[in-house]
């Protein structure tokens, strides 16, 4: 079974800020090697991605192209339940809910401390570099 991951929006932000970091490599790997791993998405996550990219002043057409490409390639998940409040930061609860509902084995984020409680649900919390390593991507 191929890996399933939920990607926190801070990974997208880091990817836009630096083309030399693990975040950019992770997103590039996803689109260059389709099918190597599943990116799990929900409506709430797509809206969060859109908001964060807009804050970076990414041009609207670039945001739309990215979100369209992601929506066409990622695995959409309907979340039929709420875990809230579960995490220390309630703004992160929808990420944990997506991970549980989708059966994702990992949440990829830079805020690993914020998701410590998700480990109780059997979800690994990894940075982009850690997730790339687990995928055997140099």
Foldseek 3Di string as FASTA:
>chain_A
DAAEEEEALVLVVVLVVDCPDLSVVLVVCCVVPPPNYAHEDEPVRLVVNLVSVVVVVDDPVVSVVVSVVCVVRHHYFDQPDFPPPQWPDSVCRVSLSRCLRVVGQEYEDPPQVRCPRSVVVNHHYYHSVVVCVVSVHD
